[in-house]
Amino acid sequence: MNGKRTRQAVALEYGKRSVPAMTAKGDGELAELIIEQAKKQGIHIAEDPQLVALLSQLEIHDEIPESLYVTVSVILSWVYWLKGMQPGDEKS
């Protein structure tokens, strides 16, 4: 073993529900594919291994747990700022 960590990725969707939900997750090659597809679609990527480790415990379509609301809201506010969006714009 070379000591290198296997890359992990999760994808969250927000806007169709009142709480963000997991839409994809994977390790290794699948994680690379998730990241590649996100980049192709212009989706912003936040790299936070600790948050990914927590979110990867969820199942696909699960809503994020209340204990992660603040952390995920910080990331969502960063994405809104990068896209020049205001809260509620995701619904249009």
Protein backbone atom coordinates (compact mmCIF):
# COMPACT_ATOMS: atom_id res chain seq x y z
CA MET A 1 0.00 0.00 0.00
CA ASN A 2 1.41 3.40 -0.96
CA GLY A 3 -0.34 5.39 1.78
CA LYS A 4 -2.38 7.37 -0.75
CA ARG A 5 -6.04 7.75 0.14
CA THR A 6 -8.69 6.62 -2.29
CA ARG A 7 -10.54 9.64 -3.60
CA GLN A 8 -14.17 9.94 -2.56
CA ALA A 9 -16.91 12.15 -3.95
CA VAL A 10 -20.51 12.94 -3.12
CA ALA A 11 -23.05 15.05 -4.96
CA LEU A 12 -25.83 17.00 -3.31
CA GLU A 13 -28.96 18.41 -4.91
CA TYR A 14 -30.82 21.33 -3.46
CA GLY A 15 -33.79 23.27 -4.73
CA LYS A 16 -36.40 20.63 -5.50
CA ARG A 17 -36.63 19.75 -1.80
CA SER A 18 -36.49 21.85 1.32
CA VAL A 19 -33.36 19.98 2.47
CA PRO A 20 -30.29 19.06 0.36
CA ALA A 21 -30.18 15.38 -0.56
CA MET A 22 -27.47 12.99 -1.73
CA THR A 23 -27.68 12.32 -5.47
CA ALA A 24 -24.42 10.44 -6.06
CA LYS A 25 -21.48 9.02 -4.17
CA GLY A 26 -18.48 6.89 -4.97
CA ASP A 27 -14.86 5.98 -4.33
CA GLY A 28 -11.87 5.72 -6.64
CA GLU A 29 -12.79 5.65 -10.32
CA LEU A 30 -16.46 6.33 -9.61
CA ALA A 31 -15.49 9.40 -7.57
CA GLU A 32 -13.36 10.62 -10.50
CA LEU A 33 -16.34 10.17 -12.84
CA ILE A 34 -18.65 12.11 -10.49
CA ILE A 35 -16.13 14.97 -10.34
CA GLU A 36 -15.56 14.89 -14.11
CA GLN A 37 -19.31 15.06 -14.81
CA ALA A 38 -19.76 17.89 -12.31
CA LYS A 39 -17.02 19.90 -14.01
CA LYS A 40 -18.56 19.28 -17.45
CA GLN A 41 -21.90 20.61 -16.17
CA GLY A 42 -20.31 23.67 -14.55
CA ILE A 43 -21.07 22.47 -11.04
CA HIS A 44 -18.78 23.95 -8.41
CA ILE A 45 -16.74 21.48 -6.41
CA ALA A 46 -15.81 21.90 -2.75
CA GLU A 47 -13.06 19.66 -1.43
CA ASP A 48 -13.66 18.74 2.20
CA PRO A 49 -12.57 15.16 3.00
CA GLN A 50 -14.12 15.21 6.47
CA LEU A 51 -17.51 16.32 5.16
CA VAL A 52 -17.35 13.76 2.33
CA ALA A 53 -16.61 11.03 4.89
CA LEU A 54 -19.70 12.02 6.87
CA LEU A 55 -21.95 12.40 3.83
CA SER A 56 -20.79 9.14 2.27
CA GLN A 57 -22.51 7.32 5.13
CA LEU A 58 -25.86 8.40 3.64
CA GLU A 59 -27.72 6.46 0.98
CA ILE A 60 -28.59 7.92 -2.41
CA HIS A 61 -31.66 10.22 -2.14
CA ASP A 62 -31.26 10.58 1.65
CA GLU A 63 -31.62 14.11 2.97
CA ILE A 64 -28.62 15.44 4.83
CA PRO A 65 -28.94 15.07 8.60
CA GLU A 66 -29.76 18.12 10.70
CA SER A 67 -26.32 17.89 12.35
CA LEU A 68 -24.74 18.87 8.98
CA TYR A 69 -27.10 21.74 8.09
CA VAL A 70 -24.66 24.48 9.11
CA THR A 71 -21.69 22.91 7.31
CA VAL A 72 -23.62 22.29 4.10
CA SER A 73 -25.21 25.75 4.23
CA VAL A 74 -21.73 27.32 4.31
CA ILE A 75 -20.82 25.41 1.15
CA LEU A 76 -24.13 26.30 -0.51
CA SER A 77 -23.65 29.99 0.33
CA TRP A 78 -20.19 29.80 -1.29
CA VAL A 79 -21.73 28.27 -4.43
CA TYR A 80 -24.47 30.93 -4.50
CA TRP A 81 -21.83 33.66 -4.22
CA LEU A 82 -19.72 32.12 -7.03
CA LYS A 83 -22.77 31.92 -9.31
CA GLY A 84 -24.10 35.36 -8.38
CA MET A 85 -27.31 33.78 -7.07
CA GLN A 86 -29.70 34.74 -4.29
CA PRO A 87 -31.58 32.29 -2.05
CA GLY A 88 -34.66 31.08 -3.97
CA ASP A 89 -33.00 31.37 -7.40
CA GLU A 90 -32.49 27.59 -7.46
CA LYS A 91 -36.25 27.10 -7.73
CA SER A 92 -36.49 28.97 -11.05
